[in-house]
Amino acid sequence: MRDNWEDLANAIVVQAANDYRRALRVLKAHPNYSPAAKVKTEVEQFFRSEWYRSLSSVDGEVLIKRLNAEV
């Protein structure tokens, strides 16, 4: 049962990272596109949240920096 919860936690974090990458790419091409800016802000808030810390041992700030460098 523990593996199922870990799989779910990992899937949530991976989806958030994918959403963040997508938002960054859109903002790179269209800096004023507010829906992408909203997703970026919401995912950054998630990566800094207590909920995120309960799902992952990866530091949220480090993840944000890595994803920004990647895109």
PDB file of N, CA and C in Angstrom:
ATOM      1  N   MET A   1       0.831  -1.202   0.000  1.00  0.00           N
ATOM      2  CA  MET A   1       0.000   0.000   0.000  1.00  0.00           C
ATOM      3  C   MET A   1       0.872   1.262   0.000  1.00  0.00           C
ATOM      4  N   ARG A   2       1.987   1.208   0.718  1.00  0.00           N
ATOM      5  CA  ARG A   2       2.885   2.366   0.784  1.00  0.00           C
ATOM      6  C   ARG A   2       3.368   2.782  -0.604  1.00  0.00           C
ATOM      7  N   ASP A   3       3.686   1.804  -1.450  1.00  0.00           N
ATOM      8  CA  ASP A   3       4.149   2.111  -2.801  1.00  0.00           C
ATOM      9  C   ASP A   3       3.103   2.875  -3.598  1.00  0.00           C
ATOM     10  N   ASN A   4       1.838   2.543  -3.403  1.00  0.00           N
ATOM     11  CA  ASN A   4       0.774   3.247  -4.116  1.00  0.00           C
ATOM     12  C   ASN A   4       0.743   4.723  -3.743  1.00  0.00           C
ATOM     13  N   TRP A   5       0.907   5.022  -2.452  1.00  0.00           N
ATOM     14  CA  TRP A   5       0.916   6.419  -2.007  1.00  0.00           C
ATOM     15  C   TRP A   5       2.147   7.146  -2.536  1.00  0.00           C
ATOM     16  N   GLU A   6       3.284   6.466  -2.539  1.00  0.00           N
ATOM     17  CA  GLU A   6       4.502   7.078  -3.083  1.00  0.00           C
ATOM     18  C   GLU A   6       4.359   7.332  -4.575  1.00  0.00           C
ATOM     19  N   ASP A   7       3.746   6.387  -5.277  1.00  0.00           N
ATOM     20  CA  ASP A   7       3.511   6.573  -6.714  1.00  0.00           C
ATOM     21  C   ASP A   7       2.609   7.777  -6.960  1.00  0.00           C
ATOM     22  N   LEU A   8       1.575   7.914  -6.152  1.00  0.00           N
ATOM     23  CA  LEU A   8       0.661   9.045  -6.294  1.00  0.00           C
ATOM     24  C   LEU A   8       1.386  10.355  -5.996  1.00  0.00           C
ATOM     25  N   ALA A   9       2.156  10.387  -4.926  1.00  0.00           N
ATOM     26  CA  ALA A   9       2.907  11.596  -4.573  1.00  0.00           C
ATOM     27  C   ALA A   9       3.862  11.974  -5.697  1.00  0.00           C
ATOM     28  N   ASN A  10       4.568  10.991  -6.224  1.00  0.00           N
ATOM     29  CA  ASN A  10       5.493  11.258  -7.326  1.00  0.00           C
ATOM     30  C   ASN A  10       4.758  11.765  -8.559  1.00  0.00           C
ATOM     31  N   ALA A  11       3.612  11.183  -8.861  1.00  0.00           N
ATOM     32  CA  ALA A  11       2.833  11.609 -10.027  1.00  0.00           C
ATOM     33  C   ALA A  11       2.359  13.059  -9.883  1.00  0.00           C
ATOM     34  N   ILE A  12       1.976  13.451  -8.684  1.00  0.00           N
ATOM     35  CA  ILE A  12       1.538  14.831  -8.438  1.00  0.00           C
ATOM     36  C   ILE A  12       2.685  15.798  -8.689  1.00  0.00           C
ATOM     37  N   VAL A  13       3.858  15.469  -8.166  1.00  0.00           N
ATOM     38  CA  VAL A  13       5.028  16.340  -8.329  1.00  0.00           C
ATOM     39  C   VAL A  13       5.456  16.398  -9.796  1.00  0.00           C
ATOM     40  N   VAL A  14       5.466  15.256 -10.472  1.00  0.00           N
ATOM     41  CA  VAL A  14       5.846  15.225 -11.888  1.00  0.00           C
ATOM     42  C   VAL A  14       4.870  16.056 -12.713  1.00  0.00           C
ATOM     43  N   GLN A  15       3.577  15.942 -12.447  1.00  0.00           N
ATOM     44  CA  GLN A  15       2.590  16.724 -13.193  1.00  0.00           C
ATOM     45  C   GLN A  15       2.796  18.217 -12.959  1.00  0.00           C
ATOM     46  N   ALA A  16       3.068  18.601 -11.719  1.00  0.00           N
ATOM     47  CA  ALA A  16       3.318  20.012 -11.417  1.00  0.00           C
ATOM     48  C   ALA A  16       4.550  20.512 -12.168  1.00  0.00           C
ATOM     49  N   ALA A  17       5.600  19.699 -12.192  1.00  0.00           N
ATOM     50  CA  ALA A  17       6.819  20.086 -12.920  1.00  0.00           C
ATOM     51  C   ALA A  17       6.537  20.230 -14.411  1.00  0.00           C
ATOM     52  N   ASN A  18       5.768  19.313 -14.971  1.00  0.00           N
ATOM     53  CA  ASN A  18       5.414  19.401 -16.393  1.00  0.00           C
ATOM     54  C   ASN A  18       4.584  20.646 -16.682  1.00  0.00           C
ATOM     55  N   ASP A  19       3.632  20.949 -15.805  1.00  0.00           N
ATOM     56  CA  ASP A  19       2.817  22.161 -15.961  1.00  0.00           C
ATOM     57  C   ASP A  19       3.693  23.412 -15.890  1.00  0.00           C
ATOM     58  N   TYR A  20       4.656  23.391 -14.976  1.00  0.00           N
ATOM     59  CA  TYR A  20       5.561  24.539 -14.793  1.00  0.00           C
ATOM     60  C   TYR A  20       6.417  24.738 -16.039  1.00  0.00           C
ATOM     61  N   ARG A  21       6.985  23.655 -16.551  1.00  0.00           N
ATOM     62  CA  ARG A  21       7.792  23.741 -17.783  1.00  0.00           C
ATOM     63  C   ARG A  21       6.963  24.327 -18.931  1.00  0.00           C
ATOM     64  N   ARG A  22       5.756  23.808 -19.086  1.00  0.00           N
ATOM     65  CA  ARG A  22       4.879  24.275 -20.163  1.00  0.00           C
ATOM     66  C   ARG A  22       4.589  25.769 -20.006  1.00  0.00           C
ATOM     67  N   ALA A  23       4.286  26.193 -18.792  1.00  0.00           N
ATOM     68  CA  ALA A  23       4.000  27.612 -18.549  1.00  0.00           C
ATOM     69  C   ALA A  23       5.225  28.469 -18.857  1.00  0.00           C
ATOM     70  N   LEU A  24       6.407  28.005 -18.463  1.00  0.00           N
ATOM     71  CA  LEU A  24       7.625  28.768 -18.745  1.00  0.00           C
ATOM     72  C   LEU A  24       7.868  28.906 -20.240  1.00  0.00           C
ATOM     73  N   ARG A  25       7.635  27.835 -20.981  1.00  0.00           N
ATOM     74  CA  ARG A  25       7.829  27.887 -22.440  1.00  0.00           C
ATOM     75  C   ARG A  25       6.856  28.877 -23.092  1.00  0.00           C
ATOM     76  N   VAL A  26       5.612  28.832 -22.641  1.00  0.00           N
ATOM     77  CA  VAL A  26       4.615  29.762 -23.194  1.00  0.00           C
ATOM     78  C   VAL A  26       4.994  31.194 -22.853  1.00  0.00           C
ATOM     79  N   LEU A  27       5.417  31.429 -21.621  1.00  0.00           N
ATOM     80  CA  LEU A  27       5.785  32.786 -21.207  1.00  0.00           C
ATOM     81  C   LEU A  27       7.027  33.291 -21.930  1.00  0.00           C
ATOM     82  N   LYS A  28       7.905  32.375 -22.303  1.00  0.00           N
ATOM     83  CA  LYS A  28       9.093  32.771 -23.057  1.00  0.00           C
ATOM     84  C   LYS A  28       8.680  33.354 -24.416  1.00  0.00           C
ATOM     85  N   ALA A  29       7.691  32.730 -25.043  1.00  0.00           N
ATOM     86  CA  ALA A  29       7.211  33.192 -26.344  1.00  0.00           C
ATOM     87  C   ALA A  29       6.200  34.329 -26.225  1.00  0.00           C
ATOM     88  N   HIS A  30       5.413  34.311 -25.150  1.00  0.00           N
ATOM     89  CA  HIS A  30       4.330  35.300 -24.951  1.00  0.00           C
ATOM     90  C   HIS A  30       4.362  35.779 -23.494  1.00  0.00           C
ATOM     91  N   PRO A  31       5.276  36.693 -23.169  1.00  0.00           N
ATOM     92  CA  PRO A  31       5.500  37.102 -21.772  1.00  0.00           C
ATOM     93  C   PRO A  31       4.273  37.647 -21.031  1.00  0.00           C
ATOM     94  N   ASN A  32       3.305  38.144 -21.748  1.00  0.00           N
ATOM     95  CA  ASN A  32       2.137  38.744 -21.105  1.00  0.00           C
ATOM     96  C   ASN A  32       0.916  37.834 -21.092  1.00  0.00           C
ATOM     97  N   TYR A  33       1.096  36.554 -21.409  1.00  0.00           N
ATOM     98  CA  TYR A  33      -0.030  35.626 -21.453  1.00  0.00           C
ATOM     99  C   TYR A  33      -0.414  35.242 -20.026  1.00  0.00           C
ATOM    100  N   SER A  34      -1.477  35.841 -19.534  1.00  0.00           N
ATOM    101  CA  SER A  34      -1.837  35.706 -18.124  1.00  0.00           C
ATOM    102  C   SER A  34      -2.192  34.288 -17.667  1.00  0.00           C
ATOM    103  N   PRO A  35      -2.828  33.443 -18.491  1.00  0.00           N
ATOM    104  CA  PRO A  35      -3.088  32.076 -18.006  1.00  0.00           C
ATOM    105  C   PRO A  35      -1.797  31.309 -17.681  1.00  0.00           C
ATOM    106  N   ALA A  36      -0.770  31.485 -18.492  1.00  0.00           N
ATOM    107  CA  ALA A  36       0.502  30.809 -18.216  1.00  0.00           C
ATOM    108  C   ALA A  36       1.169  31.404 -16.974  1.00  0.00           C
ATOM    109  N   ALA A  37       1.071  32.710 -16.810  1.00  0.00           N
ATOM    110  CA  ALA A  37       1.639  33.357 -15.628  1.00  0.00           C
ATOM    111  C   ALA A  37       0.934  32.862 -14.364  1.00  0.00           C
ATOM    112  N   LYS A  38      -0.364  32.642 -14.470  1.00  0.00           N
ATOM    113  CA  LYS A  38      -1.136  32.132 -13.331  1.00  0.00           C
ATOM    114  C   LYS A  38      -0.679  30.719 -12.964  1.00  0.00           C
ATOM    115  N   VAL A  39      -0.504  29.867 -13.962  1.00  0.00           N
ATOM    116  CA  VAL A  39      -0.031  28.501 -13.702  1.00  0.00           C
ATOM    117  C   VAL A  39       1.351  28.546 -13.066  1.00  0.00           C
ATOM    118  N   LYS A  40       2.234  29.379 -13.586  1.00  0.00           N
ATOM    119  CA  LYS A  40       3.590  29.511 -13.039  1.00  0.00           C
ATOM    120  C   LYS A  40       3.540  29.887 -11.560  1.00  0.00           C
ATOM    121  N   THR A  41       2.744  30.888 -11.243  1.00  0.00           N
ATOM    122  CA  THR A  41       2.613  31.341  -9.855  1.00  0.00           C
ATOM    123  C   THR A  41       2.031  30.252  -8.955  1.00  0.00           C
ATOM    124  N   GLU A  42       0.994  29.592  -9.436  1.00  0.00           N
ATOM    125  CA  GLU A  42       0.349  28.545  -8.637  1.00  0.00           C
ATOM    126  C   GLU A  42       1.294  27.375  -8.376  1.00  0.00           C
ATOM    127  N   VAL A  43       2.065  26.980  -9.381  1.00  0.00           N
ATOM    128  CA  VAL A  43       2.988  25.856  -9.197  1.00  0.00           C
ATOM    129  C   VAL A  43       4.126  26.267  -8.263  1.00  0.00           C
ATOM    130  N   GLU A  44       4.614  27.495  -8.379  1.00  0.00           N
ATOM    131  CA  GLU A  44       5.647  27.965  -7.451  1.00  0.00           C
ATOM    132  C   GLU A  44       5.122  27.943  -6.018  1.00  0.00           C
ATOM    133  N   GLN A  45       3.880  28.354  -5.825  1.00  0.00           N
ATOM    134  CA  GLN A  45       3.282  28.297  -4.490  1.00  0.00           C
ATOM    135  C   GLN A  45       3.203  26.862  -3.994  1.00  0.00           C
ATOM    136  N   PHE A  46       2.832  25.942  -4.877  1.00  0.00           N
ATOM    137  CA  PHE A  46       2.775  24.527  -4.512  1.00  0.00           C
ATOM    138  C   PHE A  46       4.158  24.021  -4.102  1.00  0.00           C
ATOM    139  N   PHE A  47       5.194  24.339  -4.906  1.00  0.00           N
ATOM    140  CA  PHE A  47       6.544  23.868  -4.596  1.00  0.00           C
ATOM    141  C   PHE A  47       7.073  24.450  -3.276  1.00  0.00           C
ATOM    142  N   ARG A  48       6.482  25.528  -2.811  1.00  0.00           N
ATOM    143  CA  ARG A  48       6.900  26.140  -1.540  1.00  0.00           C
ATOM    144  C   ARG A  48       5.970  25.766  -0.380  1.00  0.00           C
ATOM    145  N   SER A  49       5.003  24.911  -0.651  1.00  0.00           N
ATOM    146  CA  SER A  49       3.976  24.614   0.347  1.00  0.00           C
ATOM    147  C   SER A  49       4.330  23.447   1.263  1.00  0.00           C
ATOM    148  N   GLU A  50       3.621  23.393   2.353  1.00  0.00           N
ATOM    149  CA  GLU A  50       3.739  22.283   3.293  1.00  0.00           C
ATOM    150  C   GLU A  50       3.294  20.978   2.628  1.00  0.00           C
ATOM    151  N   TRP A  51       2.268  21.067   1.806  1.00  0.00           N
ATOM    152  CA  TRP A  51       1.780  19.878   1.109  1.00  0.00           C
ATOM    153  C   TRP A  51       2.883  19.287   0.236  1.00  0.00           C
ATOM    154  N   TYR A  52       3.566  20.146  -0.523  1.00  0.00           N
ATOM    155  CA  TYR A  52       4.666  19.667  -1.358  1.00  0.00           C
ATOM    156  C   TYR A  52       5.730  18.987  -0.499  1.00  0.00           C
ATOM    157  N   ARG A  53       6.078  19.612   0.619  1.00  0.00           N
ATOM    158  CA  ARG A  53       7.108  19.034   1.501  1.00  0.00           C
ATOM    159  C   ARG A  53       6.683  17.682   2.051  1.00  0.00           C
ATOM    160  N   SER A  54       5.376  17.459   2.161  1.00  0.00           N
ATOM    161  CA  SER A  54       4.913  16.141   2.625  1.00  0.00           C
ATOM    162  C   SER A  54       4.961  15.101   1.492  1.00  0.00           C
ATOM    163  N   LEU A  55       5.005  15.575   0.246  1.00  0.00           N
ATOM    164  CA  LEU A  55       5.029  14.665  -0.900  1.00  0.00           C
ATOM    165  C   LEU A  55       6.443  14.335  -1.373  1.00  0.00           C
ATOM    166  N   SER A  56       7.383  15.246  -1.144  1.00  0.00           N
ATOM    167  CA  SER A  56       8.707  15.101  -1.733  1.00  0.00           C
ATOM    168  C   SER A  56       9.796  15.569  -0.779  1.00  0.00           C
ATOM    169  N   SER A  57      10.942  14.938  -0.878  1.00  0.00           N
ATOM    170  CA  SER A  57      12.095  15.365  -0.074  1.00  0.00           C
ATOM    171  C   SER A  57      12.975  16.342  -0.856  1.00  0.00           C
ATOM    172  N   VAL A  58      12.644  16.583  -2.119  1.00  0.00           N
ATOM    173  CA  VAL A  58      13.395  17.532  -2.941  1.00  0.00           C
ATOM    174  C   VAL A  58      13.004  18.948  -2.543  1.00  0.00           C
ATOM    175  N   ASP A  59      13.985  19.784  -2.281  1.00  0.00           N
ATOM    176  CA  ASP A  59      13.734  21.172  -1.907  1.00  0.00           C
ATOM    177  C   ASP A  59      13.005  21.878  -3.056  1.00  0.00           C
ATOM    178  N   GLY A  60      11.887  22.508  -2.739  1.00  0.00           N
ATOM    179  CA  GLY A  60      11.071  23.170  -3.746  1.00  0.00           C
ATOM    180  C   GLY A  60      11.783  24.297  -4.459  1.00  0.00           C
ATOM    181  N   GLU A  61      12.584  25.063  -3.717  1.00  0.00           N
ATOM    182  CA  GLU A  61      13.325  26.176  -4.326  1.00  0.00           C
ATOM    183  C   GLU A  61      14.350  25.648  -5.320  1.00  0.00           C
ATOM    184  N   VAL A  62      15.006  24.562  -4.952  1.00  0.00           N
ATOM    185  CA  VAL A  62      15.983  23.951  -5.853  1.00  0.00           C
ATOM    186  C   VAL A  62      15.286  23.468  -7.118  1.00  0.00           C
ATOM    187  N   LEU A  63      14.140  22.864  -6.960  1.00  0.00           N
ATOM    188  CA  LEU A  63      13.381  22.364  -8.115  1.00  0.00           C
ATOM    189  C   LEU A  63      12.971  23.516  -9.031  1.00  0.00           C
ATOM    190  N   ILE A  64      12.495  24.602  -8.461  1.00  0.00           N
ATOM    191  CA  ILE A  64      12.119  25.778  -9.253  1.00  0.00           C
ATOM    192  C   ILE A  64      13.317  26.268 -10.056  1.00  0.00           C
ATOM    193  N   LYS A  65      14.476  26.383  -9.418  1.00  0.00           N
ATOM    194  CA  LYS A  65      15.678  26.865 -10.102  1.00  0.00           C
ATOM    195  C   LYS A  65      16.080  25.914 -11.222  1.00  0.00           C
ATOM    196  N   ARG A  66      16.023  24.604 -10.952  1.00  0.00           N
ATOM    197  CA  ARG A  66      16.395  23.622 -11.979  1.00  0.00           C
ATOM    198  C   ARG A  66      15.460  23.684 -13.172  1.00  0.00           C
ATOM    199  N   LEU A  67      14.175  23.809 -12.908  1.00  0.00           N
ATOM    200  CA  LEU A  67      13.204  23.856 -14.011  1.00  0.00           C
ATOM    201  C   LEU A  67      13.381  25.138 -14.822  1.00  0.00           C
ATOM    202  N   ASN A  68      13.662  26.241 -14.155  1.00  0.00           N
ATOM    203  CA  ASN A  68      13.906  27.497 -14.879  1.00  0.00           C
ATOM    204  C   ASN A  68      15.156  27.397 -15.736  1.00  0.00           C
ATOM    205  N   ALA A  69      16.195  26.782 -15.223  1.00  0.00           N
ATOM    206  CA  ALA A  69      17.442  26.622 -15.985  1.00  0.00           C
ATOM    207  C   ALA A  69      17.230  25.687 -17.178  1.00  0.00           C
ATOM    208  N   GLU A  70      16.379  24.704 -16.995  1.00  0.00           N
ATOM    209  CA  GLU A  70      16.092  23.735 -18.051  1.00  0.00           C
ATOM    210  C   GLU A  70      15.371  24.375 -19.225  1.00  0.00           C
ATOM    211  N   VAL A  71      14.460  25.282 -18.913  1.00  0.00           N
ATOM    212  CA  VAL A  71      13.652  25.937 -19.955  1.00  0.00           C
ATOM    213  C   VAL A  71      14.313  27.237 -20.300  1.00  0.00           C
TER     214      VAL A  71
END
